[in-house]
Amino acid sequence: MKVTTLRFGEIEISPEEIIEFPEGLLGFDHLHRYVILNTQKDSPFRWLQCVEDGQLAFVIIEPLSFMFSYDLEISDSDAEFLGLKKAEDVILYAIVTIPENVQEMTANLQGPIVINAVNRKARQVISNNPELKLKTRILDEMAKRTEKINSLKPAPTSPKKEDES
């Protein structure tokens, strides 16, 4: 299937790649079919490209690619709606906002995208967790994550000296 997009020109996608949002995304409830594009292999960022409207695409990121932990509770009704059976079937993304100063880019952790990897059904959910913010600064969280990871590494040990007799 060919899709003409604003950013990537004409792209070829297989029907198996399509993610179905039965309710659409917030503000775009009339658009239901998207595909995730990985345009830069070493980047944590992806594009959520609308299949029905080639003009519409969102930058997305997996929260755990820039945060040390991300505790999202998926409600029973969301899990049932998506047909989720196991936690391993969940793929999470946050929509990224990139302002003029890229250093201030943010991720919407309060309204993440939850995808069932098995049936490719998705929903943008709204979390009631007050710790999850609508605008979480990605680079600040990356720095905190790196600091936390470095603090968990064992301290280097100095080589033992042999007794001189």
C-alpha atoms as a PDB file:
ATOM      1  CA  MET A   1       0.000   0.000   0.000  1.00  0.00           C
ATOM      2  CA  LYS A   2       1.382   3.423  -0.951  1.00  0.00           C
ATOM      3  CA  VAL A   3       0.843   6.512   1.187  1.00  0.00           C
ATOM      4  CA  THR A   4       1.830  10.030   0.130  1.00  0.00           C
ATOM      5  CA  THR A   5       3.162  11.983   3.107  1.00  0.00           C
ATOM      6  CA  LEU A   6       4.199  15.576   3.638  1.00  0.00           C
ATOM      7  CA  ARG A   7       7.542  14.760   5.277  1.00  0.00           C
ATOM      8  CA  PHE A   8       8.620  11.546   3.559  1.00  0.00           C
ATOM      9  CA  GLY A   9       7.008  11.695   0.133  1.00  0.00           C
ATOM     10  CA  GLU A  10       5.500   8.460  -1.103  1.00  0.00           C
ATOM     11  CA  ILE A  11       6.103   5.519   1.209  1.00  0.00           C
ATOM     12  CA  GLU A  12       5.241   1.851   0.902  1.00  0.00           C
ATOM     13  CA  ILE A  13       3.666   0.201   3.939  1.00  0.00           C
ATOM     14  CA  SER A  14       2.231  -3.245   4.452  1.00  0.00           C
ATOM     15  CA  PRO A  15      -1.233  -3.673   5.972  1.00  0.00           C
ATOM     16  CA  GLU A  16       0.381  -5.515   8.923  1.00  0.00           C
ATOM     17  CA  GLU A  17       2.202  -2.306   9.907  1.00  0.00           C
ATOM     18  CA  ILE A  18      -0.979  -0.291  10.337  1.00  0.00           C
ATOM     19  CA  ILE A  19      -2.021   0.577  13.867  1.00  0.00           C
ATOM     20  CA  GLU A  20      -5.736   1.096  14.365  1.00  0.00           C
ATOM     21  CA  PHE A  21      -6.956   3.833  16.723  1.00  0.00           C
ATOM     22  CA  PRO A  22     -10.734   3.140  16.795  1.00  0.00           C
ATOM     23  CA  GLU A  23     -11.328   6.441  18.630  1.00  0.00           C
ATOM     24  CA  GLY A  24      -8.587   8.400  16.879  1.00  0.00           C
ATOM     25  CA  LEU A  25      -6.173  10.595  18.816  1.00  0.00           C
ATOM     26  CA  LEU A  26      -7.252  13.511  20.986  1.00  0.00           C
ATOM     27  CA  GLY A  27      -8.240  16.291  18.600  1.00  0.00           C
ATOM     28  CA  PHE A  28      -8.067  13.924  15.618  1.00  0.00           C
ATOM     29  CA  ASP A  29     -10.895  11.515  16.397  1.00  0.00           C
ATOM     30  CA  HIS A  30     -11.866  11.255  12.717  1.00  0.00           C
ATOM     31  CA  LEU A  31      -8.494   9.687  11.757  1.00  0.00           C
ATOM     32  CA  HIS A  32      -7.939   6.072  12.774  1.00  0.00           C
ATOM     33  CA  ARG A  33      -5.051   4.463  10.885  1.00  0.00           C
ATOM     34  CA  TYR A  34      -1.385   5.193  11.548  1.00  0.00           C
ATOM     35  CA  VAL A  35       2.004   3.642  10.982  1.00  0.00           C
ATOM     36  CA  ILE A  36       5.196   4.072  13.017  1.00  0.00           C
ATOM     37  CA  LEU A  37       8.195   5.147  10.959  1.00  0.00           C
ATOM     38  CA  ASN A  38      11.766   4.779  12.151  1.00  0.00           C
ATOM     39  CA  THR A  39      13.639   7.251   9.970  1.00  0.00           C
ATOM     40  CA  GLN A  40      16.879   7.426  11.988  1.00  0.00           C
ATOM     41  CA  LYS A  41      18.156   4.080  13.238  1.00  0.00           C
ATOM     42  CA  ASP A  42      20.158   5.408  16.220  1.00  0.00           C
ATOM     43  CA  SER A  43      17.479   7.801  17.437  1.00  0.00           C
ATOM     44  CA  PRO A  44      14.869   7.130  20.141  1.00  0.00           C
ATOM     45  CA  PHE A  45      12.407   9.263  18.170  1.00  0.00           C
ATOM     46  CA  ARG A  46       9.872   7.827  15.738  1.00  0.00           C
ATOM     47  CA  TRP A  47       7.115   9.254  13.564  1.00  0.00           C
ATOM     48  CA  LEU A  48       3.476   8.315  14.033  1.00  0.00           C
ATOM     49  CA  GLN A  49       2.325   8.897  10.464  1.00  0.00           C
ATOM     50  CA  CYS A  50      -1.369   9.062   9.669  1.00  0.00           C
ATOM     51  CA  VAL A  51      -2.256   6.784   6.756  1.00  0.00           C
ATOM     52  CA  GLU A  52      -5.538   8.577   5.965  1.00  0.00           C
ATOM     53  CA  ASP A  53      -4.022  12.089   5.934  1.00  0.00           C
ATOM     54  CA  GLY A  54      -0.428  12.269   4.716  1.00  0.00           C
ATOM     55  CA  GLN A  55      -0.145  15.823   6.091  1.00  0.00           C
ATOM     56  CA  LEU A  56      -0.469  14.576   9.685  1.00  0.00           C
ATOM     57  CA  ALA A  57       2.403  13.003  11.612  1.00  0.00           C
ATOM     58  CA  PHE A  58       3.549  13.184  15.219  1.00  0.00           C
ATOM     59  CA  VAL A  59       7.019  12.766  16.686  1.00  0.00           C
ATOM     60  CA  ILE A  60       6.833  10.057  19.356  1.00  0.00           C
ATOM     61  CA  ILE A  61       9.227   8.470  21.834  1.00  0.00           C
ATOM     62  CA  GLU A  62       9.149   5.489  24.181  1.00  0.00           C
ATOM     63  CA  PRO A  63       9.160   6.913  27.737  1.00  0.00           C
ATOM     64  CA  LEU A  64      11.730   4.409  29.010  1.00  0.00           C
ATOM     65  CA  SER A  65      14.194   5.536  26.339  1.00  0.00           C
ATOM     66  CA  PHE A  66      14.671   8.802  28.242  1.00  0.00           C
ATOM     67  CA  MET A  67      13.336   8.127  31.757  1.00  0.00           C
ATOM     68  CA  PHE A  68      14.630   5.759  34.417  1.00  0.00           C
ATOM     69  CA  SER A  69      11.105   4.588  35.219  1.00  0.00           C
ATOM     70  CA  TYR A  70       7.620   5.241  33.923  1.00  0.00           C
ATOM     71  CA  ASP A  71       4.744   3.952  35.995  1.00  0.00           C
ATOM     72  CA  LEU A  72       1.598   3.990  33.933  1.00  0.00           C
ATOM     73  CA  GLU A  73      -1.366   2.049  35.220  1.00  0.00           C
ATOM     74  CA  ILE A  74      -3.552   0.871  32.371  1.00  0.00           C
ATOM     75  CA  SER A  75      -7.157   0.692  33.508  1.00  0.00           C
ATOM     76  CA  ASP A  76      -9.138  -2.512  33.147  1.00  0.00           C
ATOM     77  CA  SER A  77     -11.441  -0.786  30.655  1.00  0.00           C
ATOM     78  CA  ASP A  78      -8.469   0.353  28.517  1.00  0.00           C
ATOM     79  CA  ALA A  79      -6.931  -3.140  28.677  1.00  0.00           C
ATOM     80  CA  GLU A  80     -10.253  -4.700  27.677  1.00  0.00           C
ATOM     81  CA  PHE A  81     -10.790  -2.167  24.874  1.00  0.00           C
ATOM     82  CA  LEU A  82      -7.327  -2.925  23.463  1.00  0.00           C
ATOM     83  CA  GLY A  83      -7.631  -6.688  23.981  1.00  0.00           C
ATOM     84  CA  LEU A  84      -4.519  -6.786  26.173  1.00  0.00           C
ATOM     85  CA  LYS A  85      -3.817 -10.177  27.740  1.00  0.00           C
ATOM     86  CA  LYS A  86      -0.202  -9.768  28.924  1.00  0.00           C
ATOM     87  CA  ALA A  87       1.971  -6.828  29.976  1.00  0.00           C
ATOM     88  CA  GLU A  88       4.551  -7.937  27.394  1.00  0.00           C
ATOM     89  CA  ASP A  89       2.066  -7.095  24.632  1.00  0.00           C
ATOM     90  CA  VAL A  90       2.037  -3.388  25.540  1.00  0.00           C
ATOM     91  CA  ILE A  91       4.008  -0.805  23.571  1.00  0.00           C
ATOM     92  CA  LEU A  92       4.024   2.714  25.019  1.00  0.00           C
ATOM     93  CA  TYR A  93       4.793   5.971  23.260  1.00  0.00           C
ATOM     94  CA  ALA A  94       4.530   9.610  24.248  1.00  0.00           C
ATOM     95  CA  ILE A  95       3.809  12.383  21.763  1.00  0.00           C
ATOM     96  CA  VAL A  96       6.672  14.890  21.578  1.00  0.00           C
ATOM     97  CA  THR A  97       6.345  18.652  21.220  1.00  0.00           C
ATOM     98  CA  ILE A  98       9.401  20.330  19.697  1.00  0.00           C
ATOM     99  CA  PRO A  99       9.490  24.109  20.200  1.00  0.00           C
ATOM    100  CA  GLU A 100      11.806  26.522  18.421  1.00  0.00           C
ATOM    101  CA  ASN A 101      14.453  25.843  21.078  1.00  0.00           C
ATOM    102  CA  VAL A 102      14.904  22.082  20.666  1.00  0.00           C
ATOM    103  CA  GLN A 103      16.508  21.894  24.131  1.00  0.00           C
ATOM    104  CA  GLU A 104      13.035  22.495  25.575  1.00  0.00           C
ATOM    105  CA  MET A 105      11.244  19.641  23.793  1.00  0.00           C
ATOM    106  CA  THR A 106       8.670  17.857  25.908  1.00  0.00           C
ATOM    107  CA  ALA A 107       6.816  14.554  25.979  1.00  0.00           C
ATOM    108  CA  ASN A 108       3.190  14.097  26.963  1.00  0.00           C
ATOM    109  CA  LEU A 109       3.429  11.432  29.660  1.00  0.00           C
ATOM    110  CA  GLN A 110      -0.066  12.158  30.955  1.00  0.00           C
ATOM    111  CA  GLY A 111      -1.697  11.155  27.659  1.00  0.00           C
ATOM    112  CA  PRO A 112       0.457   8.330  26.291  1.00  0.00           C
ATOM    113  CA  ILE A 113      -0.304   6.087  23.362  1.00  0.00           C
ATOM    114  CA  VAL A 114      -0.867   2.462  24.360  1.00  0.00           C
ATOM    115  CA  ILE A 115      -0.547  -0.121  21.584  1.00  0.00           C
ATOM    116  CA  ASN A 116      -1.392  -3.805  21.698  1.00  0.00           C
ATOM    117  CA  ALA A 117       1.541  -5.331  19.799  1.00  0.00           C
ATOM    118  CA  VAL A 118      -0.469  -8.466  18.997  1.00  0.00           C
ATOM    119  CA  ASN A 119      -3.596  -7.016  17.365  1.00  0.00           C
ATOM    120  CA  ARG A 120      -2.157  -3.542  16.478  1.00  0.00           C
ATOM    121  CA  LYS A 121      -5.042  -1.782  18.250  1.00  0.00           C
ATOM    122  CA  ALA A 122      -4.200   1.479  20.040  1.00  0.00           C
ATOM    123  CA  ARG A 123      -5.654   4.160  22.254  1.00  0.00           C
ATOM    124  CA  GLN A 124      -4.408   7.437  23.642  1.00  0.00           C
ATOM    125  CA  VAL A 125      -5.143   7.090  27.349  1.00  0.00           C
ATOM    126  CA  ILE A 126      -5.338   9.756  30.023  1.00  0.00           C
ATOM    127  CA  SER A 127      -3.494   8.947  33.231  1.00  0.00           C
ATOM    128  CA  ASN A 128      -4.800  10.052  36.622  1.00  0.00           C
ATOM    129  CA  ASN A 129      -1.290   9.837  38.087  1.00  0.00           C
ATOM    130  CA  PRO A 130      -0.426  13.423  39.176  1.00  0.00           C
ATOM    131  CA  GLU A 131       3.295  12.669  38.778  1.00  0.00           C
ATOM    132  CA  LEU A 132       2.893  12.189  35.022  1.00  0.00           C
ATOM    133  CA  LYS A 133       2.994  15.554  33.299  1.00  0.00           C
ATOM    134  CA  LEU A 134       1.551  16.855  30.070  1.00  0.00           C
ATOM    135  CA  LYS A 135       4.899  18.525  29.311  1.00  0.00           C
ATOM    136  CA  THR A 136       7.884  16.572  30.617  1.00  0.00           C
ATOM    137  CA  ARG A 137      11.209  17.981  29.439  1.00  0.00           C
ATOM    138  CA  ILE A 138      12.957  15.145  27.636  1.00  0.00           C
ATOM    139  CA  LEU A 139      16.566  16.336  27.940  1.00  0.00           C
ATOM    140  CA  ASP A 140      16.175  16.993  31.685  1.00  0.00           C
ATOM    141  CA  GLU A 141      14.822  13.469  32.151  1.00  0.00           C
ATOM    142  CA  MET A 142      17.634  12.008  30.014  1.00  0.00           C
ATOM    143  CA  ALA A 143      20.185  13.685  32.304  1.00  0.00           C
ATOM    144  CA  LYS A 144      18.422  12.323  35.417  1.00  0.00           C
ATOM    145  CA  ARG A 145      18.275   8.848  33.868  1.00  0.00           C
ATOM    146  CA  THR A 146      21.993   8.877  33.045  1.00  0.00           C
ATOM    147  CA  GLU A 147      22.823  10.096  36.556  1.00  0.00           C
ATOM    148  CA  LYS A 148      20.681   7.348  38.112  1.00  0.00           C
ATOM    149  CA  ILE A 149      22.214   4.636  35.925  1.00  0.00           C
ATOM    150  CA  ASN A 150      25.728   5.848  36.749  1.00  0.00           C
ATOM    151  CA  SER A 151      24.915   5.809  40.472  1.00  0.00           C
ATOM    152  CA  LEU A 152      23.935   2.134  40.214  1.00  0.00           C
ATOM    153  CA  LYS A 153      27.226   1.078  38.648  1.00  0.00           C
ATOM    154  CA  PRO A 154      29.706  -0.455  41.082  1.00  0.00           C
ATOM    155  CA  ALA A 155      32.538   1.825  42.099  1.00  0.00           C
ATOM    156  CA  PRO A 156      35.830   1.013  40.401  1.00  0.00           C
ATOM    157  CA  THR A 157      38.172  -0.982  42.597  1.00  0.00           C
ATOM    158  CA  SER A 158      41.858  -0.339  42.745  1.00  0.00           C
ATOM    159  CA  PRO A 159      44.143  -3.282  42.095  1.00  0.00           C
ATOM    160  CA  LYS A 160      45.343  -5.063  45.225  1.00  0.00           C
ATOM    161  CA  LYS A 161      48.959  -4.481  46.056  1.00  0.00           C
ATOM    162  CA  GLU A 162      51.089  -7.483  46.824  1.00  0.00           C
ATOM    163  CA  ASP A 163      52.884  -7.427  50.158  1.00  0.00           C
ATOM    164  CA  GLU A 164      56.551  -6.673  49.753  1.00  0.00           C
ATOM    165  CA  SER A 165      58.591  -8.958  52.048  1.00  0.00           C
END
